[in-house]
Amino acid sequence: MSVVPAPQAHAPLPLQPDAGVENEAASDLERITIMLRDYRTIAGDNPIGSNAEIVQALSGDNPRQAKILPDDLPRNSSGELVDRWGTPYFFHQLSRNSMEIRSAGADRRMWTSDDVFTR
């Protein structure tokens, strides 16, 4: 008589990042980075403030009244730019000419391993 081993329970596999969506999120950040570069060319330095205040500056509330923000970038009801998962971007001015932009990624939590960011 042969003994058949009992099936083993397997731990669920961790969610795998969707490389396509992450690439699109990185492209979104590149687009925002270029927009900020254009703003610096016009205004002399980065817009400052919260996400919503940066959106206002990019929308024309700046000394030159230059509208740089395209209408097709998604925003929430608070007027903040949001990533592909609906989470507001985090903007951190590193210097007069450099800004970190961070997306919380698919888990919608900032400062975790799936964040997408650029400097």
PDB file of N, CA and C in Angstrom:
ATOM      1  N   MET A   1       0.844  -1.150   0.000  1.00  0.00           N
ATOM      2  CA  MET A   1       0.000   0.000   0.000  1.00  0.00           C
ATOM      3  C   MET A   1       0.901   1.228   0.000  1.00  0.00           C
ATOM      4  N   SER A   2       0.628   2.165  -0.938  1.00  0.00           N
ATOM      5  CA  SER A   2       1.436   3.376  -1.008  1.00  0.00           C
ATOM      6  C   SER A   2       0.716   4.514  -0.299  1.00  0.00           C
ATOM      7  N   VAL A   3       1.516   5.379   0.258  1.00  0.00           N
ATOM      8  CA  VAL A   3       0.965   6.532   0.980  1.00  0.00           C
ATOM      9  C   VAL A   3       1.050   7.744   0.074  1.00  0.00           C
ATOM     10  N   VAL A   4      -0.055   8.396  -0.109  1.00  0.00           N
ATOM     11  CA  VAL A   4      -0.115   9.602  -0.928  1.00  0.00           C
ATOM     12  C   VAL A   4       0.033  10.799   0.010  1.00  0.00           C
ATOM     13  N   PRO A   5       1.042  11.637  -0.233  1.00  0.00           N
ATOM     14  CA  PRO A   5       1.208  12.791   0.664  1.00  0.00           C
ATOM     15  C   PRO A   5       0.026  13.752   0.550  1.00  0.00           C
ATOM     16  N   ALA A   6      -0.308  14.352   1.681  1.00  0.00           N
ATOM     17  CA  ALA A   6      -1.400  15.328   1.719  1.00  0.00           C
ATOM     18  C   ALA A   6      -0.968  16.584   0.979  1.00  0.00           C
ATOM     19  N   PRO A   7      -1.890  17.225   0.289  1.00  0.00           N
ATOM     20  CA  PRO A   7      -1.521  18.470  -0.392  1.00  0.00           C
ATOM     21  C   PRO A   7      -1.069  19.510   0.628  1.00  0.00           C
ATOM     22  N   GLN A   8      -0.052  20.237   0.257  1.00  0.00           N
ATOM     23  CA  GLN A   8       0.469  21.270   1.145  1.00  0.00           C
ATOM     24  C   GLN A   8      -0.206  22.598   0.830  1.00  0.00           C
ATOM     25  N   ALA A   9      -0.496  23.299   1.883  1.00  0.00           N
ATOM     26  CA  ALA A   9      -1.071  24.638   1.701  1.00  0.00           C
ATOM     27  C   ALA A   9       0.049  25.587   1.317  1.00  0.00           C
ATOM     28  N   HIS A  10      -0.205  26.403   0.358  1.00  0.00           N
ATOM     29  CA  HIS A  10       0.786  27.373  -0.081  1.00  0.00           C
ATOM     30  C   HIS A  10       0.366  28.761   0.365  1.00  0.00           C
ATOM     31  N   ALA A  11       1.352  29.508   0.789  1.00  0.00           N
ATOM     32  CA  ALA A  11       1.080  30.903   1.134  1.00  0.00           C
ATOM     33  C   ALA A  11       0.731  31.647  -0.144  1.00  0.00           C
ATOM     34  N   PRO A  12      -0.184  32.573  -0.049  1.00  0.00           N
ATOM     35  CA  PRO A  12      -0.522  33.333  -1.268  1.00  0.00           C
ATOM     36  C   PRO A  12       0.702  34.088  -1.772  1.00  0.00           C
ATOM     37  N   LEU A  13       0.824  34.139  -3.067  1.00  0.00           N
ATOM     38  CA  LEU A  13       1.935  34.871  -3.669  1.00  0.00           C
ATOM     39  C   LEU A  13       1.733  36.362  -3.469  1.00  0.00           C
ATOM     40  N   PRO A  14       2.821  37.087  -3.233  1.00  0.00           N
ATOM     41  CA  PRO A  14       2.659  38.541  -3.112  1.00  0.00           C
ATOM     42  C   PRO A  14       2.215  39.113  -4.443  1.00  0.00           C
ATOM     43  N   LEU A  15       1.496  40.211  -4.357  1.00  0.00           N
ATOM     44  CA  LEU A  15       1.066  40.872  -5.582  1.00  0.00           C
ATOM     45  C   LEU A  15       2.280  41.313  -6.379  1.00  0.00           C
ATOM     46  N   GLN A  16       2.276  41.011  -7.635  1.00  0.00           N
ATOM     47  CA  GLN A  16       3.366  41.415  -8.510  1.00  0.00           C
ATOM     48  C   GLN A  16       3.027  42.776  -9.105  1.00  0.00           C
ATOM     49  N   PRO A  17       4.010  43.663  -9.138  1.00  0.00           N
ATOM     50  CA  PRO A  17       3.716  44.970  -9.733  1.00  0.00           C
ATOM     51  C   PRO A  17       3.384  44.824 -11.207  1.00  0.00           C
ATOM     52  N   ASP A  18       2.499  45.648 -11.650  1.00  0.00           N
ATOM     53  CA  ASP A  18       2.133  45.677 -13.060  1.00  0.00           C
ATOM     54  C   ASP A  18       3.117  46.603 -13.760  1.00  0.00           C
ATOM     55  N   ALA A  19       4.077  46.015 -14.461  1.00  0.00           N
ATOM     56  CA  ALA A  19       5.148  46.808 -15.085  1.00  0.00           C
ATOM     57  C   ALA A  19       4.585  47.823 -16.073  1.00  0.00           C
ATOM     58  N   GLY A  20       3.514  47.482 -16.759  1.00  0.00           N
ATOM     59  CA  GLY A  20       2.926  48.417 -17.715  1.00  0.00           C
ATOM     60  C   GLY A  20       2.413  49.669 -17.034  1.00  0.00           C
ATOM     61  N   VAL A  21       1.685  49.496 -15.941  1.00  0.00           N
ATOM     62  CA  VAL A  21       1.142  50.645 -15.215  1.00  0.00           C
ATOM     63  C   VAL A  21       2.281  51.427 -14.565  1.00  0.00           C
ATOM     64  N   GLU A  22       3.280  50.731 -14.026  1.00  0.00           N
ATOM     65  CA  GLU A  22       4.415  51.439 -13.428  1.00  0.00           C
ATOM     66  C   GLU A  22       5.170  52.250 -14.484  1.00  0.00           C
ATOM     67  N   ASN A  23       5.303  51.708 -15.684  1.00  0.00           N
ATOM     68  CA  ASN A  23       5.955  52.471 -16.762  1.00  0.00           C
ATOM     69  C   ASN A  23       5.132  53.698 -17.125  1.00  0.00           C
ATOM     70  N   GLU A  24       3.817  53.545 -17.154  1.00  0.00           N
ATOM     71  CA  GLU A  24       2.951  54.681 -17.441  1.00  0.00           C
ATOM     72  C   GLU A  24       3.050  55.723 -16.327  1.00  0.00           C
ATOM     73  N   ALA A  25       3.130  55.260 -15.079  1.00  0.00           N
ATOM     74  CA  ALA A  25       3.270  56.181 -13.950  1.00  0.00           C
ATOM     75  C   ALA A  25       4.593  56.930 -14.045  1.00  0.00           C
ATOM     76  N   ALA A  26       5.659  56.235 -14.430  1.00  0.00           N
ATOM     77  CA  ALA A  26       6.956  56.895 -14.613  1.00  0.00           C
ATOM     78  C   ALA A  26       6.882  57.914 -15.747  1.00  0.00           C
ATOM     79  N   SER A  27       6.141  57.599 -16.808  1.00  0.00           N
ATOM     80  CA  SER A  27       5.953  58.552 -17.912  1.00  0.00           C
ATOM     81  C   SER A  27       5.183  59.782 -17.440  1.00  0.00           C
ATOM     82  N   ASP A  28       4.187  59.566 -16.579  1.00  0.00           N
ATOM     83  CA  ASP A  28       3.436  60.694 -16.017  1.00  0.00           C
ATOM     84  C   ASP A  28       4.369  61.607 -15.230  1.00  0.00           C
ATOM     85  N   LEU A  29       5.250  61.009 -14.427  1.00  0.00           N
ATOM     86  CA  LEU A  29       6.195  61.806 -13.640  1.00  0.00           C
ATOM     87  C   LEU A  29       7.149  62.572 -14.545  1.00  0.00           C
ATOM     88  N   GLU A  30       7.578  61.945 -15.622  1.00  0.00           N
ATOM     89  CA  GLU A  30       8.462  62.633 -16.576  1.00  0.00           C
ATOM     90  C   GLU A  30       7.738  63.828 -17.189  1.00  0.00           C
ATOM     91  N   ARG A  31       6.479  63.657 -17.492  1.00  0.00           N
ATOM     92  CA  ARG A  31       5.685  64.743 -18.066  1.00  0.00           C
ATOM     93  C   ARG A  31       5.576  65.911 -17.074  1.00  0.00           C
ATOM     94  N   ILE A  32       5.348  65.596 -15.803  1.00  0.00           N
ATOM     95  CA  ILE A  32       5.264  66.642 -14.783  1.00  0.00           C
ATOM     96  C   ILE A  32       6.621  67.299 -14.593  1.00  0.00           C
ATOM     97  N   THR A  33       7.694  66.514 -14.640  1.00  0.00           N
ATOM     98  CA  THR A  33       9.054  67.055 -14.516  1.00  0.00           C
ATOM     99  C   THR A  33       9.334  68.067 -15.627  1.00  0.00           C
ATOM    100  N   ILE A  34       8.945  67.744 -16.842  1.00  0.00           N
ATOM    101  CA  ILE A  34       9.132  68.662 -17.978  1.00  0.00           C
ATOM    102  C   ILE A  34       8.299  69.923 -17.778  1.00  0.00           C
ATOM    103  N   MET A  35       7.102  69.765 -17.259  1.00  0.00           N
ATOM    104  CA  MET A  35       6.236  70.908 -16.991  1.00  0.00           C
ATOM    105  C   MET A  35       6.885  71.836 -15.950  1.00  0.00           C
ATOM    106  N   LEU A  36       7.472  71.237 -14.908  1.00  0.00           N
ATOM    107  CA  LEU A  36       8.160  72.042 -13.893  1.00  0.00           C
ATOM    108  C   LEU A  36       9.390  72.731 -14.476  1.00  0.00           C
ATOM    109  N   ARG A  37      10.091  72.049 -15.373  1.00  0.00           N
ATOM    110  CA  ARG A  37      11.238  72.676 -16.040  1.00  0.00           C
ATOM    111  C   ARG A  37      10.772  73.888 -16.831  1.00  0.00           C
ATOM    112  N   ASP A  38       9.674  73.747 -17.551  1.00  0.00           N
ATOM    113  CA  ASP A  38       9.130  74.867 -18.320  1.00  0.00           C
ATOM    114  C   ASP A  38       8.723  76.017 -17.397  1.00  0.00           C
ATOM    115  N   TYR A  39       8.144  75.679 -16.247  1.00  0.00           N
ATOM    116  CA  TYR A  39       7.775  76.706 -15.277  1.00  0.00           C
ATOM    117  C   TYR A  39       9.019  77.449 -14.803  1.00  0.00           C
ATOM    118  N   ARG A  40      10.082  76.706 -14.477  1.00  0.00           N
ATOM    119  CA  ARG A  40      11.329  77.343 -14.025  1.00  0.00           C
ATOM    120  C   ARG A  40      11.901  78.270 -15.089  1.00  0.00           C
ATOM    121  N   THR A  41      11.771  77.889 -16.357  1.00  0.00           N
ATOM    122  CA  THR A  41      12.256  78.727 -17.450  1.00  0.00           C
ATOM    123  C   THR A  41      11.517  80.063 -17.466  1.00  0.00           C
ATOM    124  N   ILE A  42      10.244  80.025 -17.197  1.00  0.00           N
ATOM    125  CA  ILE A  42       9.423  81.236 -17.217  1.00  0.00           C
ATOM    126  C   ILE A  42       9.545  82.028 -15.915  1.00  0.00           C
ATOM    127  N   ALA A  43       9.477  81.330 -14.778  1.00  0.00           N
ATOM    128  CA  ALA A  43       9.402  82.007 -13.481  1.00  0.00           C
ATOM    129  C   ALA A  43      10.739  82.148 -12.769  1.00  0.00           C
ATOM    130  N   GLY A  44      11.732  81.374 -13.155  1.00  0.00           N
ATOM    131  CA  GLY A  44      13.045  81.478 -12.531  1.00  0.00           C
ATOM    132  C   GLY A  44      13.339  80.450 -11.464  1.00  0.00           C
ATOM    133  N   ASP A  45      12.298  79.843 -10.890  1.00  0.00           N
ATOM    134  CA  ASP A  45      12.505  78.780  -9.912  1.00  0.00           C
ATOM    135  C   ASP A  45      11.249  77.920  -9.832  1.00  0.00           C
ATOM    136  N   ASN A  46      11.303  76.902  -8.978  1.00  0.00           N
ATOM    137  CA  ASN A  46      10.163  75.991  -8.839  1.00  0.00           C
ATOM    138  C   ASN A  46       8.969  76.670  -8.199  1.00  0.00           C
ATOM    139  N   PRO A  47       7.764  76.214  -8.517  1.00  0.00           N
ATOM    140  CA  PRO A  47       6.617  76.661  -7.733  1.00  0.00           C
ATOM    141  C   PRO A  47       6.754  76.070  -6.329  1.00  0.00           C
ATOM    142  N   ILE A  48       6.248  76.754  -5.349  1.00  0.00           N
ATOM    143  CA  ILE A  48       6.371  76.256  -3.986  1.00  0.00           C
ATOM    144  C   ILE A  48       5.000  76.063  -3.366  1.00  0.00           C
ATOM    145  N   GLY A  49       4.961  75.276  -2.292  1.00  0.00           N
ATOM    146  CA  GLY A  49       3.723  75.065  -1.556  1.00  0.00           C
ATOM    147  C   GLY A  49       3.246  73.634  -1.635  1.00  0.00           C
ATOM    148  N   SER A  50       2.011  73.473  -1.259  1.00  0.00           N
ATOM    149  CA  SER A  50       1.375  72.157  -1.286  1.00  0.00           C
ATOM    150  C   SER A  50       1.097  71.746  -2.732  1.00  0.00           C
ATOM    151  N   ASN A  51       0.654  70.532  -2.904  1.00  0.00           N
ATOM    152  CA  ASN A  51       0.284  70.038  -4.224  1.00  0.00           C
ATOM    153  C   ASN A  51      -0.732  70.989  -4.863  1.00  0.00           C
ATOM    154  N   ALA A  52      -1.774  71.342  -4.135  1.00  0.00           N
ATOM    155  CA  ALA A  52      -2.818  72.226  -4.687  1.00  0.00           C
ATOM    156  C   ALA A  52      -2.258  73.606  -5.036  1.00  0.00           C
ATOM    157  N   GLU A  53      -1.334  74.133  -4.229  1.00  0.00           N
ATOM    158  CA  GLU A  53      -0.734  75.433  -4.514  1.00  0.00           C
ATOM    159  C   GLU A  53       0.164  75.365  -5.750  1.00  0.00           C
ATOM    160  N   ILE A  54       0.855  74.252  -5.918  1.00  0.00           N
ATOM    161  CA  ILE A  54       1.681  74.063  -7.117  1.00  0.00           C
ATOM    162  C   ILE A  54       0.792  73.982  -8.348  1.00  0.00           C
ATOM    163  N   VAL A  55      -0.336  73.294  -8.233  1.00  0.00           N
ATOM    164  CA  VAL A  55      -1.292  73.219  -9.345  1.00  0.00           C
ATOM    165  C   VAL A  55      -1.784  74.619  -9.706  1.00  0.00           C
ATOM    166  N   GLN A  56      -2.093  75.430  -8.704  1.00  0.00           N
ATOM    167  CA  GLN A  56      -2.547  76.798  -8.971  1.00  0.00           C
ATOM    168  C   GLN A  56      -1.473  77.599  -9.710  1.00  0.00           C
ATOM    169  N   ALA A  57      -0.219  77.460  -9.264  1.00  0.00           N
ATOM    170  CA  ALA A  57       0.877  78.184  -9.925  1.00  0.00           C
ATOM    171  C   ALA A  57       1.029  77.735 -11.372  1.00  0.00           C
ATOM    172  N   LEU A  58       0.933  76.436 -11.606  1.00  0.00           N
ATOM    173  CA  LEU A  58       1.071  75.896 -12.962  1.00  0.00           C
ATOM    174  C   LEU A  58      -0.141  76.236 -13.832  1.00  0.00           C
ATOM    175  N   SER A  59      -1.247  76.571 -13.181  1.00  0.00           N
ATOM    176  CA  SER A  59      -2.485  76.908 -13.909  1.00  0.00           C
ATOM    177  C   SER A  59      -2.603  78.387 -14.232  1.00  0.00           C
ATOM    178  N   GLY A  60      -1.573  79.157 -13.887  1.00  0.00           N
ATOM    179  CA  GLY A  60      -1.588  80.572 -14.244  1.00  0.00           C
ATOM    180  C   GLY A  60      -1.516  81.522 -13.074  1.00  0.00           C
ATOM    181  N   ASP A  61      -1.626  81.022 -11.847  1.00  0.00           N
ATOM    182  CA  ASP A  61      -1.519  81.881 -10.673  1.00  0.00           C
ATOM    183  C   ASP A  61      -0.041  82.043 -10.325  1.00  0.00           C
ATOM    184  N   ASN A  62       0.653  82.780 -11.184  1.00  0.00           N
ATOM    185  CA  ASN A  62       2.086  83.030 -11.027  1.00  0.00           C
ATOM    186  C   ASN A  62       2.372  84.432 -11.574  1.00  0.00           C
ATOM    187  N   PRO A  63       3.538  84.990 -11.265  1.00  0.00           N
ATOM    188  CA  PRO A  63       3.822  86.369 -11.688  1.00  0.00           C
ATOM    189  C   PRO A  63       3.676  86.616 -13.188  1.00  0.00           C
ATOM    190  N   ARG A  64       3.950  85.633 -14.003  1.00  0.00           N
ATOM    191  CA  ARG A  64       3.846  85.808 -15.459  1.00  0.00           C
ATOM    192  C   ARG A  64       2.480  85.406 -16.004  1.00  0.00           C
ATOM    193  N   GLN A  65       1.622  84.877 -15.136  1.00  0.00           N
ATOM    194  CA  GLN A  65       0.295  84.377 -15.510  1.00  0.00           C
ATOM    195  C   GLN A  65       0.378  83.335 -16.619  1.00  0.00           C
ATOM    196  N   ALA A  66       1.457  82.565 -16.592  1.00  0.00           N
ATOM    197  CA  ALA A  66       1.671  81.517 -17.593  1.00  0.00           C
ATOM    198  C   ALA A  66       0.919  80.251 -17.199  1.00  0.00           C
ATOM    199  N   LYS A  67       0.098  79.756 -18.110  1.00  0.00           N
ATOM    200  CA  LYS A  67      -0.641  78.503 -17.885  1.00  0.00           C
ATOM    201  C   LYS A  67       0.161  77.373 -18.520  1.00  0.00           C
ATOM    202  N   ILE A  68       0.724  76.523 -17.671  1.00  0.00           N
ATOM    203  CA  ILE A  68       1.579  75.435 -18.138  1.00  0.00           C
ATOM    204  C   ILE A  68       0.898  74.081 -17.961  1.00  0.00           C
ATOM    205  N   LEU A  69      -0.030  73.995 -17.037  1.00  0.00           N
ATOM    206  CA  LEU A  69      -0.676  72.727 -16.701  1.00  0.00           C
ATOM    207  C   LEU A  69      -1.734  72.370 -17.731  1.00  0.00           C
ATOM    208  N   PRO A  70      -1.562  71.226 -18.422  1.00  0.00           N
ATOM    209  CA  PRO A  70      -2.602  70.819 -19.370  1.00  0.00           C
ATOM    210  C   PRO A  70      -3.853  70.330 -18.632  1.00  0.00           C
ATOM    211  N   ASP A  71      -4.984  70.473 -19.270  1.00  0.00           N
ATOM    212  CA  ASP A  71      -6.258  70.095 -18.655  1.00  0.00           C
ATOM    213  C   ASP A  71      -6.426  68.587 -18.484  1.00  0.00           C
ATOM    214  N   ASP A  72      -5.645  67.791 -19.214  1.00  0.00           N
ATOM    215  CA  ASP A  72      -5.873  66.346 -19.172  1.00  0.00           C
ATOM    216  C   ASP A  72      -5.188  65.631 -18.006  1.00  0.00           C
ATOM    217  N   LEU A  73      -4.382  66.325 -17.207  1.00  0.00           N
ATOM    218  CA  LEU A  73      -3.779  65.667 -16.045  1.00  0.00           C
ATOM    219  C   LEU A  73      -4.829  65.558 -14.943  1.00  0.00           C
ATOM    220  N   PRO A  74      -4.996  64.362 -14.370  1.00  0.00           N
ATOM    221  CA  PRO A  74      -6.070  64.157 -13.389  1.00  0.00           C
ATOM    222  C   PRO A  74      -5.824  64.881 -12.070  1.00  0.00           C
ATOM    223  N   ARG A  75      -6.919  65.413 -11.533  1.00  0.00           N
ATOM    224  CA  ARG A  75      -6.906  66.116 -10.257  1.00  0.00           C
ATOM    225  C   ARG A  75      -8.044  65.603  -9.391  1.00  0.00           C
ATOM    226  N   ASN A  76      -7.890  65.747  -8.101  1.00  0.00           N
ATOM    227  CA  ASN A  76      -8.974  65.368  -7.194  1.00  0.00           C
ATOM    228  C   ASN A  76      -9.840  66.594  -6.884  1.00  0.00           C
ATOM    229  N   SER A  77     -10.824  66.410  -6.026  1.00  0.00           N
ATOM    230  CA  SER A  77     -11.749  67.502  -5.715  1.00  0.00           C
ATOM    231  C   SER A  77     -11.084  68.630  -4.929  1.00  0.00           C
ATOM    232  N   SER A  78      -9.890  68.366  -4.372  1.00  0.00           N
ATOM    233  CA  SER A  78      -9.138  69.401  -3.652  1.00  0.00           C
ATOM    234  C   SER A  78      -8.209  70.184  -4.573  1.00  0.00           C
ATOM    235  N   GLY A  79      -8.238  69.857  -5.868  1.00  0.00           N
ATOM    236  CA  GLY A  79      -7.400  70.556  -6.832  1.00  0.00           C
ATOM    237  C   GLY A  79      -5.969  70.054  -6.882  1.00  0.00           C
ATOM    238  N   GLU A  80      -5.721  68.865  -6.342  1.00  0.00           N
ATOM    239  CA  GLU A  80      -4.375  68.295  -6.348  1.00  0.00           C
ATOM    240  C   GLU A  80      -4.186  67.379  -7.554  1.00  0.00           C
ATOM    241  N   LEU A  81      -2.969  67.369  -8.099  1.00  0.00           N
ATOM    242  CA  LEU A  81      -2.642  66.389  -9.126  1.00  0.00           C
ATOM    243  C   LEU A  81      -2.584  65.019  -8.470  1.00  0.00           C
ATOM    244  N   VAL A  82      -3.173  64.024  -9.124  1.00  0.00           N
ATOM    245  CA  VAL A  82      -3.181  62.671  -8.575  1.00  0.00           C
ATOM    246  C   VAL A  82      -2.557  61.691  -9.564  1.00  0.00           C
ATOM    247  N   ASP A  83      -2.026  60.607  -9.020  1.00  0.00           N
ATOM    248  CA  ASP A  83      -1.395  59.580  -9.844  1.00  0.00           C
ATOM    249  C   ASP A  83      -2.443  58.636 -10.432  1.00  0.00           C
ATOM    250  N   ARG A  84      -1.998  57.621 -11.092  1.00  0.00           N
ATOM    251  CA  ARG A  84      -2.890  56.668 -11.764  1.00  0.00           C
ATOM    252  C   ARG A  84      -3.782  55.897 -10.803  1.00  0.00           C
ATOM    253  N   TRP A  85      -3.467  55.936  -9.527  1.00  0.00           N
ATOM    254  CA  TRP A  85      -4.250  55.225  -8.520  1.00  0.00           C
ATOM    255  C   TRP A  85      -5.118  56.185  -7.711  1.00  0.00           C
ATOM    256  N   GLY A  86      -5.137  57.465  -8.108  1.00  0.00           N
ATOM    257  CA  GLY A  86      -5.983  58.459  -7.456  1.00  0.00           C
ATOM    258  C   GLY A  86      -5.395  59.085  -6.203  1.00  0.00           C
ATOM    259  N   THR A  87      -4.114  58.848  -5.944  1.00  0.00           N
ATOM    260  CA  THR A  87      -3.443  59.392  -4.764  1.00  0.00           C
ATOM    261  C   THR A  87      -2.712  60.680  -5.138  1.00  0.00           C
ATOM    262  N   PRO A  88      -2.828  61.716  -4.321  1.00  0.00           N
ATOM    263  CA  PRO A  88      -2.108  62.961  -4.624  1.00  0.00           C
ATOM    264  C   PRO A  88      -0.593  62.740  -4.671  1.00  0.00           C
ATOM    265  N   TYR A  89       0.044  63.389  -5.615  1.00  0.00           N
ATOM    266  CA  TYR A  89       1.505  63.357  -5.690  1.00  0.00           C
ATOM    267  C   TYR A  89       2.085  64.109  -4.492  1.00  0.00           C
ATOM    268  N   PHE A  90       3.292  63.721  -4.118  1.00  0.00           N
ATOM    269  CA  PHE A  90       4.057  64.422  -3.106  1.00  0.00           C
ATOM    270  C   PHE A  90       5.132  65.211  -3.836  1.00  0.00           C
ATOM    271  N   PHE A  91       5.170  66.529  -3.619  1.00  0.00           N
ATOM    272  CA  PHE A  91       6.183  67.395  -4.217  1.00  0.00           C
ATOM    273  C   PHE A  91       7.116  67.864  -3.114  1.00  0.00           C
ATOM    274  N   HIS A  92       8.411  67.748  -3.348  1.00  0.00           N
ATOM    275  CA  HIS A  92       9.396  68.220  -2.382  1.00  0.00           C
ATOM    276  C   HIS A  92      10.482  68.975  -3.134  1.00  0.00           C
ATOM    277  N   GLN A  93      10.577  70.263  -2.871  1.00  0.00           N
ATOM    278  CA  GLN A  93      11.590  71.077  -3.530  1.00  0.00           C
ATOM    279  C   GLN A  93      12.947  70.742  -2.927  1.00  0.00           C
ATOM    280  N   LEU A  94      13.855  70.242  -3.764  1.00  0.00           N
ATOM    281  CA  LEU A  94      15.209  69.895  -3.329  1.00  0.00           C
ATOM    282  C   LEU A  94      16.145  71.089  -3.440  1.00  0.00           C
ATOM    283  N   SER A  95      15.902  71.912  -4.430  1.00  0.00           N
ATOM    284  CA  SER A  95      16.675  73.132  -4.634  1.00  0.00           C
ATOM    285  C   SER A  95      15.846  74.046  -5.527  1.00  0.00           C
ATOM    286  N   ARG A  96      16.421  75.161  -5.864  1.00  0.00           N
ATOM    287  CA  ARG A  96      15.720  76.093  -6.740  1.00  0.00           C
ATOM    288  C   ARG A  96      15.418  75.475  -8.102  1.00  0.00           C
ATOM    289  N   ASN A  97      16.254  74.535  -8.533  1.00  0.00           N
ATOM    290  CA  ASN A  97      16.112  73.939  -9.859  1.00  0.00           C
ATOM    291  C   ASN A  97      15.779  72.451  -9.835  1.00  0.00           C
ATOM    292  N   SER A  98      15.443  71.921  -8.688  1.00  0.00           N
ATOM    293  CA  SER A  98      15.198  70.484  -8.596  1.00  0.00           C
ATOM    294  C   SER A  98      14.020  70.197  -7.668  1.00  0.00           C
ATOM    295  N   MET A  99      13.165  69.297  -8.107  1.00  0.00           N
ATOM    296  CA  MET A  99      11.984  68.943  -7.322  1.00  0.00           C
ATOM    297  C   MET A  99      11.817  67.430  -7.364  1.00  0.00           C
ATOM    298  N   GLU A 100      11.605  66.825  -6.202  1.00  0.00           N
ATOM    299  CA  GLU A 100      11.246  65.404  -6.150  1.00  0.00           C
ATOM    300  C   GLU A 100       9.735  65.324  -6.279  1.00  0.00           C
ATOM    301  N   ILE A 101       9.289  64.399  -7.129  1.00  0.00           N
ATOM    302  CA  ILE A 101       7.859  64.138  -7.289  1.00  0.00           C
ATOM    303  C   ILE A 101       7.677  62.657  -7.009  1.00  0.00           C
ATOM    304  N   ARG A 102       6.743  62.325  -6.124  1.00  0.00           N
ATOM    305  CA  ARG A 102       6.574  60.938  -5.709  1.00  0.00           C
ATOM    306  C   ARG A 102       5.110  60.525  -5.833  1.00  0.00           C
ATOM    307  N   SER A 103       4.914  59.351  -6.441  1.00  0.00           N
ATOM    308  CA  SER A 103       3.620  58.698  -6.510  1.00  0.00           C
ATOM    309  C   SER A 103       3.632  57.563  -5.488  1.00  0.00           C
ATOM    310  N   ALA A 104       2.552  57.375  -4.771  1.00  0.00           N
ATOM    311  CA  ALA A 104       2.484  56.325  -3.759  1.00  0.00           C
ATOM    312  C   ALA A 104       2.422  54.930  -4.371  1.00  0.00           C
ATOM    313  N   GLY A 105       2.167  54.831  -5.657  1.00  0.00           N
ATOM    314  CA  GLY A 105       2.122  53.523  -6.301  1.00  0.00           C
ATOM    315  C   GLY A 105       0.813  52.795  -6.045  1.00  0.00           C
ATOM    316  N   ALA A 106       0.795  51.539  -6.443  1.00  0.00           N
ATOM    317  CA  ALA A 106      -0.437  50.740  -6.417  1.00  0.00           C
ATOM    318  C   ALA A 106      -1.005  50.534  -5.017  1.00  0.00           C
ATOM    319  N   ASP A 107      -0.141  50.517  -3.995  1.00  0.00           N
ATOM    320  CA  ASP A 107      -0.658  50.294  -2.636  1.00  0.00           C
ATOM    321  C   ASP A 107      -1.242  51.565  -2.023  1.00  0.00           C
ATOM    322  N   ARG A 108      -1.082  52.688  -2.719  1.00  0.00           N
ATOM    323  CA  ARG A 108      -1.625  53.984  -2.309  1.00  0.00           C
ATOM    324  C   ARG A 108      -1.092  54.458  -0.959  1.00  0.00           C
ATOM    325  N   ARG A 109       0.081  53.950  -0.578  1.00  0.00           N
ATOM    326  CA  ARG A 109       0.736  54.378   0.658  1.00  0.00           C
ATOM    327  C   ARG A 109       2.102  54.938   0.306  1.00  0.00           C
ATOM    328  N   MET A 110       2.363  56.140   0.785  1.00  0.00           N
ATOM    329  CA  MET A 110       3.624  56.800   0.500  1.00  0.00           C
ATOM    330  C   MET A 110       4.749  56.153   1.296  1.00  0.00           C
ATOM    331  N   TRP A 111       5.942  56.175   0.722  1.00  0.00           N
ATOM    332  CA  TRP A 111       7.187  55.713   1.349  1.00  0.00           C
ATOM    333  C   TRP A 111       7.237  54.190   1.489  1.00  0.00           C
ATOM    334  N   THR A 112       6.667  53.464   0.516  1.00  0.00           N
ATOM    335  CA  THR A 112       6.790  52.012   0.486  1.00  0.00           C
ATOM    336  C   THR A 112       7.545  51.611  -0.778  1.00  0.00           C
ATOM    337  N   SER A 113       7.844  50.340  -0.902  1.00  0.00           N
ATOM    338  CA  SER A 113       8.717  49.881  -1.982  1.00  0.00           C
ATOM    339  C   SER A 113       8.130  50.049  -3.378  1.00  0.00           C
ATOM    340  N   ASP A 114       6.813  50.231  -3.504  1.00  0.00           N
ATOM    341  CA  ASP A 114       6.250  50.361  -4.853  1.00  0.00           C
ATOM    342  C   ASP A 114       6.096  51.813  -5.296  1.00  0.00           C
ATOM    343  N   ASP A 115       6.576  52.761  -4.491  1.00  0.00           N
ATOM    344  CA  ASP A 115       6.501  54.167  -4.894  1.00  0.00           C
ATOM    345  C   ASP A 115       7.244  54.386  -6.214  1.00  0.00           C
ATOM    346  N   VAL A 116       6.728  55.305  -6.989  1.00  0.00           N
ATOM    347  CA  VAL A 116       7.375  55.719  -8.234  1.00  0.00           C
ATOM    348  C   VAL A 116       7.755  57.181  -8.026  1.00  0.00           C
ATOM    349  N   PHE A 117       9.029  57.511  -8.242  1.00  0.00           N
ATOM    350  CA  PHE A 117       9.444  58.887  -8.007  1.00  0.00           C
ATOM    351  C   PHE A 117      10.547  59.307  -8.951  1.00  0.00           C
ATOM    352  N   THR A 118      10.705  60.607  -9.027  1.00  0.00           N
ATOM    353  CA  THR A 118      11.744  61.202  -9.857  1.00  0.00           C
ATOM    354  C   THR A 118      12.267  62.439  -9.161  1.00  0.00           C
ATOM    355  N   ARG A 119      13.484  62.811  -9.542  1.00  0.00           N
ATOM    356  CA  ARG A 119      14.099  64.036  -9.005  1.00  0.00           C
ATOM    357  C   ARG A 119      14.606  64.875 -10.122  1.00  0.00           C
TER     358      ARG A 119
END
